[in-house]
Amino acid sequence: ISASPIPGNDKLISKVINELFRRGAEVIYDDLEE
């Protein structure tokens, strides 16, 4: 996920990231890697 959240979108992105992890995918986003 090569973008930072627009203010107000944090919850939407977290929901998607959690679901991707739940389904077994590897997820890289700005908090983990640049």
PDB file of all heavy atoms in Angstrom:
ATOM      1  N   ILE A   1       0.875  -1.178   0.000  1.00  0.00           N
ATOM      2  CA  ILE A   1       0.000   0.000   0.000  1.00  0.00           C
ATOM      3  C   ILE A   1       0.907   1.221   0.000  1.00  0.00           C
ATOM      4  O   ILE A   1       1.448   1.629   1.028  1.00  0.00           O
ATOM      5  CB  ILE A   1      -0.963  -0.022   1.200  1.00  0.00           C
ATOM      6  CG1 ILE A   1      -1.836  -1.275   1.100  1.00  0.00           C
ATOM      7  CG2 ILE A   1      -1.819   1.244   1.225  1.00  0.00           C
ATOM      8  CD1 ILE A   1      -2.780  -1.486   2.244  1.00  0.00           C
ATOM      9  N   SER A   2       1.098   1.777  -1.194  1.00  0.00           N
ATOM     10  CA  SER A   2       2.080   2.841  -1.416  1.00  0.00           C
ATOM     11  C   SER A   2       1.383   4.197  -1.443  1.00  0.00           C
ATOM     12  O   SER A   2       1.321   4.885  -2.461  1.00  0.00           O
ATOM     13  CB  SER A   2       2.821   2.581  -2.737  1.00  0.00           C
ATOM     14  OG  SER A   2       3.859   3.507  -2.912  1.00  0.00           O
ATOM     15  N   ALA A   3       0.833   4.564  -0.278  1.00  0.00           N
ATOM     16  CA  ALA A   3       0.145   5.850  -0.127  1.00  0.00           C
ATOM     17  C   ALA A   3      -0.050   6.089   1.356  1.00  0.00           C
ATOM     18  O   ALA A   3      -0.068   5.141   2.140  1.00  0.00           O
ATOM     19  CB  ALA A   3      -1.200   5.841  -0.848  1.00  0.00           C
ATOM     20  N   SER A   4      -0.198   7.340   1.744  1.00  0.00           N
ATOM     21  CA  SER A   4      -0.537   7.640   3.132  1.00  0.00           C
ATOM     22  C   SER A   4      -2.008   8.028   3.182  1.00  0.00           C
ATOM     23  O   SER A   4      -2.566   8.504   2.195  1.00  0.00           O
ATOM     24  CB  SER A   4       0.336   8.779   3.662  1.00  0.00           C
ATOM     25  OG  SER A   4       0.153   9.938   2.880  1.00  0.00           O
ATOM     26  N   PRO A   5      -2.654   7.798   4.333  1.00  0.00           N
ATOM     27  CA  PRO A   5      -4.094   8.073   4.403  1.00  0.00           C
ATOM     28  C   PRO A   5      -4.412   9.559   4.339  1.00  0.00           C
ATOM     29  O   PRO A   5      -3.765  10.366   5.010  1.00  0.00           O
ATOM     30  CB  PRO A   5      -4.518   7.469   5.748  1.00  0.00           C
ATOM     31  CG  PRO A   5      -3.262   7.363   6.545  1.00  0.00           C
ATOM     32  CD  PRO A   5      -2.146   7.201   5.579  1.00  0.00           C
ATOM     33  N   ILE A   6      -5.387   9.895   3.519  1.00  0.00           N
ATOM     34  CA  ILE A   6      -5.960  11.238   3.565  1.00  0.00           C
ATOM     35  C   ILE A   6      -6.675  11.353   4.907  1.00  0.00           C
ATOM     36  O   ILE A   6      -7.282  10.374   5.366  1.00  0.00           O
ATOM     37  CB  ILE A   6      -6.948  11.432   2.383  1.00  0.00           C
ATOM     38  CG1 ILE A   6      -6.183  11.442   1.057  1.00  0.00           C
ATOM     39  CG2 ILE A   6      -7.741  12.723   2.533  1.00  0.00           C
ATOM     40  CD1 ILE A   6      -7.059  11.365  -0.164  1.00  0.00           C
ATOM     41  N   PRO A   7      -6.615  12.515   5.597  1.00  0.00           N
ATOM     42  CA  PRO A   7      -7.276  12.635   6.900  1.00  0.00           C
ATOM     43  C   PRO A   7      -8.720  12.137   6.857  1.00  0.00           C
ATOM     44  O   PRO A   7      -9.499  12.515   5.985  1.00  0.00           O
ATOM     45  CB  PRO A   7      -7.223  14.155   7.172  1.00  0.00           C
ATOM     46  CG  PRO A   7      -6.005  14.609   6.463  1.00  0.00           C
ATOM     47  CD  PRO A   7      -5.903  13.759   5.230  1.00  0.00           C
ATOM     48  N   GLY A   8      -9.047  11.231   7.798  1.00  0.00           N
ATOM     49  CA  GLY A   8     -10.397  10.667   7.868  1.00  0.00           C
ATOM     50  C   GLY A   8     -10.505   9.274   7.284  1.00  0.00           C
ATOM     51  O   GLY A   8     -11.500   8.574   7.497  1.00  0.00           O
ATOM     52  N   ASN A   9      -9.487   8.852   6.514  1.00  0.00           N
ATOM     53  CA  ASN A   9      -9.554   7.534   5.865  1.00  0.00           C
ATOM     54  C   ASN A   9      -8.829   6.430   6.634  1.00  0.00           C
ATOM     55  O   ASN A   9      -8.790   5.289   6.180  1.00  0.00           O
ATOM     56  CB  ASN A   9      -8.964   7.611   4.444  1.00  0.00           C
ATOM     57  CG  ASN A   9      -9.877   8.349   3.489  1.00  0.00           C
ATOM     58  OD1 ASN A   9     -11.018   8.643   3.820  1.00  0.00           O
ATOM     59  ND2 ASN A   9      -9.384   8.659   2.311  1.00  0.00           N
ATOM     60  N   ASP A  10      -8.254   6.765   7.790  1.00  0.00           N
ATOM     61  CA  ASP A  10      -7.440   5.792   8.538  1.00  0.00           C
ATOM     62  C   ASP A  10      -8.194   4.498   8.834  1.00  0.00           C
ATOM     63  O   ASP A  10      -7.651   3.399   8.678  1.00  0.00           O
ATOM     64  CB  ASP A  10      -6.951   6.412   9.854  1.00  0.00           C
ATOM     65  CG  ASP A  10      -6.283   7.760   9.643  1.00  0.00           C
ATOM     66  OD1 ASP A  10      -6.980   8.691   9.198  1.00  0.00           O
ATOM     67  OD2 ASP A  10      -5.075   7.878   9.920  1.00  0.00           O
ATOM     68  N   LYS A  11      -9.445   4.624   9.284  1.00  0.00           N
ATOM     69  CA  LYS A  11     -10.227   3.429   9.663  1.00  0.00           C
ATOM     70  C   LYS A  11     -10.508   2.549   8.451  1.00  0.00           C
ATOM     71  O   LYS A  11     -10.474   1.325   8.541  1.00  0.00           O
ATOM     72  CB  LYS A  11     -11.543   3.847  10.328  1.00  0.00           C
ATOM     73  CG  LYS A  11     -11.360   4.352  11.740  1.00  0.00           C
ATOM     74  CD  LYS A  11     -12.700   4.664  12.381  1.00  0.00           C
ATOM     75  CE  LYS A  11     -12.522   5.171  13.808  1.00  0.00           C
ATOM     76  NZ  LYS A  11     -13.818   5.536  14.417  1.00  0.00           N
ATOM     77  N   LEU A  12     -10.802   3.176   7.316  1.00  0.00           N
ATOM     78  CA  LEU A  12     -11.090   2.402   6.099  1.00  0.00           C
ATOM     79  C   LEU A  12      -9.872   1.580   5.689  1.00  0.00           C
ATOM     80  O   LEU A  12      -9.975   0.397   5.348  1.00  0.00           O
ATOM     81  CB  LEU A  12     -11.484   3.343   4.949  1.00  0.00           C
ATOM     82  CG  LEU A  12     -12.832   4.065   5.047  1.00  0.00           C
ATOM     83  CD1 LEU A  12     -12.970   5.059   3.910  1.00  0.00           C
ATOM     84  CD2 LEU A  12     -13.984   3.068   5.019  1.00  0.00           C
ATOM     85  N   ILE A  13      -8.689   2.213   5.741  1.00  0.00           N
ATOM     86  CA  ILE A  13      -7.467   1.519   5.335  1.00  0.00           C
ATOM     87  C   ILE A  13      -7.143   0.392   6.314  1.00  0.00           C
ATOM     88  O   ILE A  13      -6.798  -0.724   5.903  1.00  0.00           O
ATOM     89  CB  ILE A  13      -6.287   2.508   5.240  1.00  0.00           C
ATOM     90  CG1 ILE A  13      -6.556   3.541   4.143  1.00  0.00           C
ATOM     91  CG2 ILE A  13      -4.979   1.785   4.950  1.00  0.00           C
ATOM     92  CD1 ILE A  13      -5.602   4.693   4.131  1.00  0.00           C
ATOM     93  N   SER A  14      -7.279   0.676   7.616  1.00  0.00           N
ATOM     94  CA  SER A  14      -7.008  -0.355   8.626  1.00  0.00           C
ATOM     95  C   SER A  14      -7.899  -1.571   8.418  1.00  0.00           C
ATOM     96  O   SER A  14      -7.455  -2.719   8.553  1.00  0.00           O
ATOM     97  CB  SER A  14      -7.246   0.202  10.028  1.00  0.00           C
ATOM     98  OG  SER A  14      -6.270   1.151  10.348  1.00  0.00           O
ATOM     99  N   LYS A  15      -9.148  -1.324   8.082  1.00  0.00           N
ATOM    100  CA  LYS A  15     -10.098  -2.415   7.851  1.00  0.00           C
ATOM    101  C   LYS A  15      -9.634  -3.305   6.700  1.00  0.00           C
ATOM    102  O   LYS A  15      -9.666  -4.540   6.777  1.00  0.00           O
ATOM    103  CB  LYS A  15     -11.478  -1.808   7.537  1.00  0.00           C
ATOM    104  CG  LYS A  15     -12.632  -2.775   7.595  1.00  0.00           C
ATOM    105  CD  LYS A  15     -13.933  -2.007   7.400  1.00  0.00           C
ATOM    106  CE  LYS A  15     -15.104  -2.971   7.347  1.00  0.00           C
ATOM    107  NZ  LYS A  15     -16.370  -2.256   7.041  1.00  0.00           N
ATOM    108  N   VAL A  16      -9.176  -2.683   5.613  1.00  0.00           N
ATOM    109  CA  VAL A  16      -8.708  -3.440   4.446  1.00  0.00           C
ATOM    110  C   VAL A  16      -7.425  -4.209   4.780  1.00  0.00           C
ATOM    111  O   VAL A  16      -7.285  -5.389   4.435  1.00  0.00           O
ATOM    112  CB  VAL A  16      -8.492  -2.489   3.234  1.00  0.00           C
ATOM    113  CG1 VAL A  16      -7.769  -3.210   2.101  1.00  0.00           C
ATOM    114  CG2 VAL A  16      -9.827  -1.946   2.747  1.00  0.00           C
ATOM    115  N   ILE A  17      -6.479  -3.544   5.458  1.00  0.00           N
ATOM    116  CA  ILE A  17      -5.224  -4.205   5.819  1.00  0.00           C
ATOM    117  C   ILE A  17      -5.485  -5.420   6.707  1.00  0.00           C
ATOM    118  O   ILE A  17      -4.924  -6.499   6.498  1.00  0.00           O
ATOM    119  CB  ILE A  17      -4.265  -3.205   6.521  1.00  0.00           C
ATOM    120  CG1 ILE A  17      -3.757  -2.159   5.519  1.00  0.00           C
ATOM    121  CG2 ILE A  17      -3.079  -3.927   7.164  1.00  0.00           C
ATOM    122  CD1 ILE A  17      -2.983  -1.014   6.144  1.00  0.00           C
ATOM    123  N   ASN A  18      -6.359  -5.250   7.697  1.00  0.00           N
ATOM    124  CA  ASN A  18      -6.682  -6.365   8.592  1.00  0.00           C
ATOM    125  C   ASN A  18      -7.269  -7.541   7.825  1.00  0.00           C
ATOM    126  O   ASN A  18      -6.951  -8.705   8.087  1.00  0.00           O
ATOM    127  CB  ASN A  18      -7.662  -5.909   9.673  1.00  0.00           C
ATOM    128  CG  ASN A  18      -6.998  -5.044  10.725  1.00  0.00           C
ATOM    129  OD1 ASN A  18      -5.822  -5.225  11.017  1.00  0.00           O
ATOM    130  ND2 ASN A  18      -7.733  -4.101  11.285  1.00  0.00           N
ATOM    131  N   GLU A  19      -8.143  -7.231   6.863  1.00  0.00           N
ATOM    132  CA  GLU A  19      -8.787  -8.307   6.096  1.00  0.00           C
ATOM    133  C   GLU A  19      -7.773  -9.028   5.200  1.00  0.00           C
ATOM    134  O   GLU A  19      -7.833 -10.254   5.042  1.00  0.00           O
ATOM    135  CB  GLU A  19      -9.931  -7.731   5.254  1.00  0.00           C
ATOM    136  CG  GLU A  19     -10.879  -8.768   4.690  1.00  0.00           C
ATOM    137  CD  GLU A  19     -11.595  -9.594   5.752  1.00  0.00           C
ATOM    138  OE1 GLU A  19     -11.804  -9.090   6.870  1.00  0.00           O
ATOM    139  OE2 GLU A  19     -11.930 -10.762   5.451  1.00  0.00           O
ATOM    140  N   LEU A  20      -6.844  -8.278   4.623  1.00  0.00           N
ATOM    141  CA  LEU A  20      -5.797  -8.905   3.795  1.00  0.00           C
ATOM    142  C   LEU A  20      -4.938  -9.846   4.639  1.00  0.00           C
ATOM    143  O   LEU A  20      -4.643 -10.981   4.226  1.00  0.00           O
ATOM    144  CB  LEU A  20      -4.919  -7.828   3.150  1.00  0.00           C
ATOM    145  CG  LEU A  20      -5.575  -6.984   2.044  1.00  0.00           C
ATOM    146  CD1 LEU A  20      -4.690  -5.797   1.676  1.00  0.00           C
ATOM    147  CD2 LEU A  20      -5.868  -7.826   0.798  1.00  0.00           C
ATOM    148  N   PHE A  21      -4.547  -9.390   5.820  1.00  0.00           N
ATOM    149  CA  PHE A  21      -3.777 -10.264   6.720  1.00  0.00           C
ATOM    150  C   PHE A  21      -4.590 -11.503   7.104  1.00  0.00           C
ATOM    151  O   PHE A  21      -4.074 -12.624   7.135  1.00  0.00           O
ATOM    152  CB  PHE A  21      -3.379  -9.507   7.996  1.00  0.00           C
ATOM    153  CG  PHE A  21      -2.113  -8.707   7.860  1.00  0.00           C
ATOM    154  CD1 PHE A  21      -2.090  -7.349   8.182  1.00  0.00           C
ATOM    155  CD2 PHE A  21      -0.927  -9.297   7.433  1.00  0.00           C
ATOM    156  CE1 PHE A  21      -0.918  -6.610   8.067  1.00  0.00           C
ATOM    157  CE2 PHE A  21       0.245  -8.567   7.316  1.00  0.00           C
ATOM    158  CZ  PHE A  21       0.250  -7.215   7.635  1.00  0.00           C
ATOM    159  N   ARG A  22      -5.877 -11.284   7.395  1.00  0.00           N
ATOM    160  CA  ARG A  22      -6.746 -12.397   7.808  1.00  0.00           C
ATOM    161  C   ARG A  22      -6.815 -13.475   6.735  1.00  0.00           C
ATOM    162  O   ARG A  22      -6.946 -14.657   7.020  1.00  0.00           O
ATOM    163  CB  ARG A  22      -8.139 -11.850   8.126  1.00  0.00           C
ATOM    164  CG  ARG A  22      -9.075 -12.863   8.779  1.00  0.00           C
ATOM    165  CD  ARG A  22     -10.398 -12.225   9.179  1.00  0.00           C
ATOM    166  NE  ARG A  22     -10.245 -11.411  10.378  1.00  0.00           N
ATOM    167  CZ  ARG A  22     -10.448 -10.101  10.437  1.00  0.00           C
ATOM    168  NH1 ARG A  22     -10.802  -9.434   9.349  1.00  0.00           N
ATOM    169  NH2 ARG A  22     -10.289  -9.448  11.558  1.00  0.00           N
ATOM    170  N   ARG A  23      -6.714 -13.064   5.496  1.00  0.00           N
ATOM    171  CA  ARG A  23      -6.824 -14.019   4.387  1.00  0.00           C
ATOM    172  C   ARG A  23      -5.467 -14.565   3.949  1.00  0.00           C
ATOM    173  O   ARG A  23      -5.358 -15.202   2.903  1.00  0.00           O
ATOM    174  CB  ARG A  23      -7.558 -13.372   3.209  1.00  0.00           C
ATOM    175  CG  ARG A  23      -9.013 -13.062   3.547  1.00  0.00           C
ATOM    176  CD  ARG A  23      -9.757 -12.416   2.403  1.00  0.00           C
ATOM    177  NE  ARG A  23     -11.121 -12.100   2.822  1.00  0.00           N
ATOM    178  CZ  ARG A  23     -12.142 -12.944   2.763  1.00  0.00           C
ATOM    179  NH1 ARG A  23     -11.954 -14.172   2.297  1.00  0.00           N
ATOM    180  NH2 ARG A  23     -13.337 -12.576   3.158  1.00  0.00           N
ATOM    181  N   GLY A  24      -4.429 -14.256   4.731  1.00  0.00           N
ATOM    182  CA  GLY A  24      -3.137 -14.904   4.499  1.00  0.00           C
ATOM    183  C   GLY A  24      -2.168 -14.161   3.614  1.00  0.00           C
ATOM    184  O   GLY A  24      -1.114 -14.695   3.269  1.00  0.00           O
ATOM    185  N   ALA A  25      -2.486 -12.927   3.237  1.00  0.00           N
ATOM    186  CA  ALA A  25      -1.572 -12.163   2.374  1.00  0.00           C
ATOM    187  C   ALA A  25      -0.493 -11.486   3.215  1.00  0.00           C
ATOM    188  O   ALA A  25      -0.671 -11.244   4.410  1.00  0.00           O
ATOM    189  CB  ALA A  25      -2.348 -11.105   1.586  1.00  0.00           C
ATOM    190  N   GLU A  26       0.616 -11.172   2.580  1.00  0.00           N
ATOM    191  CA  GLU A  26       1.655 -10.349   3.192  1.00  0.00           C
ATOM    192  C   GLU A  26       1.349  -8.905   2.807  1.00  0.00           C
ATOM    193  O   GLU A  26       1.139  -8.603   1.622  1.00  0.00           O
ATOM    194  CB  GLU A  26       3.033 -10.757   2.662  1.00  0.00           C
ATOM    195  CG  GLU A  26       4.195 -10.026   3.284  1.00  0.00           C
ATOM    196  CD  GLU A  26       4.396 -10.351   4.754  1.00  0.00           C
ATOM    197  OE1 GLU A  26       4.027 -11.470   5.186  1.00  0.00           O
ATOM    198  OE2 GLU A  26       4.894  -9.479   5.471  1.00  0.00           O
ATOM    199  N   VAL A  27       1.275  -7.997   3.795  1.00  0.00           N
ATOM    200  CA  VAL A  27       0.908  -6.614   3.510  1.00  0.00           C
ATOM    201  C   VAL A  27       2.020  -5.683   3.982  1.00  0.00           C
ATOM    202  O   VAL A  27       2.459  -5.743   5.131  1.00  0.00           O
ATOM    203  CB  VAL A  27      -0.419  -6.216   4.199  1.00  0.00           C
ATOM    204  CG1 VAL A  27      -0.887  -4.850   3.686  1.00  0.00           C
ATOM    205  CG2 VAL A  27      -1.497  -7.268   3.961  1.00  0.00           C
ATOM    206  N   ILE A  28       2.494  -4.839   3.087  1.00  0.00           N
ATOM    207  CA  ILE A  28       3.522  -3.847   3.397  1.00  0.00           C
ATOM    208  C   ILE A  28       2.881  -2.467   3.270  1.00  0.00           C
ATOM    209  O   ILE A  28       2.271  -2.149   2.243  1.00  0.00           O
ATOM    210  CB  ILE A  28       4.717  -3.950   2.423  1.00  0.00           C
ATOM    211  CG1 ILE A  28       5.236  -5.394   2.351  1.00  0.00           C
ATOM    212  CG2 ILE A  28       5.816  -2.983   2.828  1.00  0.00           C
ATOM    213  CD1 ILE A  28       5.817  -5.927   3.632  1.00  0.00           C
ATOM    214  N   TYR A  29       2.997  -1.671   4.327  1.00  0.00           N
ATOM    215  CA  TYR A  29       2.451  -0.314   4.264  1.00  0.00           C
ATOM    216  C   TYR A  29       3.420   0.627   4.957  1.00  0.00           C
ATOM    217  O   TYR A  29       4.439   0.202   5.525  1.00  0.00           O
ATOM    218  CB  TYR A  29       1.048  -0.242   4.872  1.00  0.00           C
ATOM    219  CG  TYR A  29       0.910  -0.919   6.218  1.00  0.00           C
ATOM    220  CD1 TYR A  29       0.940  -0.195   7.398  1.00  0.00           C
ATOM    221  CD2 TYR A  29       0.748  -2.313   6.294  1.00  0.00           C
ATOM    222  CE1 TYR A  29       0.815  -0.809   8.628  1.00  0.00           C
ATOM    223  CE2 TYR A  29       0.620  -2.941   7.518  1.00  0.00           C
ATOM    224  CZ  TYR A  29       0.658  -2.187   8.680  1.00  0.00           C
ATOM    225  OH  TYR A  29       0.542  -2.805   9.901  1.00  0.00           O
ATOM    226  N   ASP A  30       3.118   1.917   4.918  1.00  0.00           N
ATOM    227  CA  ASP A  30       4.115   2.934   5.256  1.00  0.00           C
ATOM    228  C   ASP A  30       4.613   2.847   6.695  1.00  0.00           C
ATOM    229  O   ASP A  30       5.730   3.245   6.991  1.00  0.00           O
ATOM    230  CB  ASP A  30       3.548   4.333   4.972  1.00  0.00           C
ATOM    231  CG  ASP A  30       4.638   5.355   4.676  1.00  0.00           C
ATOM    232  OD1 ASP A  30       5.690   4.949   4.161  1.00  0.00           O
ATOM    233  OD2 ASP A  30       4.436   6.539   4.977  1.00  0.00           O
ATOM    234  N   ASP A  31       3.784   2.328   7.611  1.00  0.00           N
ATOM    235  CA  ASP A  31       4.227   2.197   9.003  1.00  0.00           C
ATOM    236  C   ASP A  31       5.316   1.128   9.151  1.00  0.00           C
ATOM    237  O   ASP A  31       6.087   1.142  10.108  1.00  0.00           O
ATOM    238  CB  ASP A  31       3.050   1.843   9.919  1.00  0.00           C
ATOM    239  CG  ASP A  31       2.097   3.024  10.082  1.00  0.00           C
ATOM    240  OD1 ASP A  31       2.498   4.147   9.723  1.00  0.00           O
ATOM    241  OD2 ASP A  31       0.964   2.823  10.542  1.00  0.00           O
ATOM    242  N   LEU A  32       5.344   0.171   8.221  1.00  0.00           N
ATOM    243  CA  LEU A  32       6.307  -0.926   8.301  1.00  0.00           C
ATOM    244  C   LEU A  32       7.575  -0.649   7.503  1.00  0.00           C
ATOM    245  O   LEU A  32       8.687  -0.904   7.949  1.00  0.00           O
ATOM    246  CB  LEU A  32       5.677  -2.231   7.785  1.00  0.00           C
ATOM    247  CG  LEU A  32       4.479  -2.792   8.558  1.00  0.00           C
ATOM    248  CD1 LEU A  32       3.999  -4.066   7.875  1.00  0.00           C
ATOM    249  CD2 LEU A  32       4.864  -3.089   9.995  1.00  0.00           C
ATOM    250  N   GLU A  33       7.395  -0.185   6.283  1.00  0.00           N
ATOM    251  CA  GLU A  33       8.523   0.060   5.369  1.00  0.00           C
ATOM    252  C   GLU A  33       8.304   1.404   4.676  1.00  0.00           C
ATOM    253  O   GLU A  33       7.172   1.881   4.554  1.00  0.00           O
ATOM    254  CB  GLU A  33       8.594  -1.042   4.294  1.00  0.00           C
ATOM    255  CG  GLU A  33       8.772  -2.446   4.830  1.00  0.00           C
ATOM    256  CD  GLU A  33      10.235  -2.795   5.053  1.00  0.00           C
ATOM    257  OE1 GLU A  33      11.082  -1.917   4.817  1.00  0.00           O
ATOM    258  OE2 GLU A  33      10.513  -3.932   5.447  1.00  0.00           O
ATOM    259  N   GLU A  34       9.387   1.985   4.190  1.00  0.00           N
ATOM    260  CA  GLU A  34       9.256   3.250   3.464  1.00  0.00           C
ATOM    261  C   GLU A  34       8.812   2.966   2.034  1.00  0.00           C
ATOM    262  O   GLU A  34       9.626   2.765   1.129  1.00  0.00           O
ATOM    263  CB  GLU A  34      10.594   4.004   3.458  1.00  0.00           C
ATOM    264  CG  GLU A  34      10.432   5.451   3.005  1.00  0.00           C
ATOM    265  CD  GLU A  34      11.743   6.221   3.011  1.00  0.00           C
ATOM    266  OE1 GLU A  34      12.776   5.660   3.387  1.00  0.00           O
ATOM    267  OE2 GLU A  34      11.705   7.396   2.613  1.00  0.00           O
TER     268      GLU A  34
END
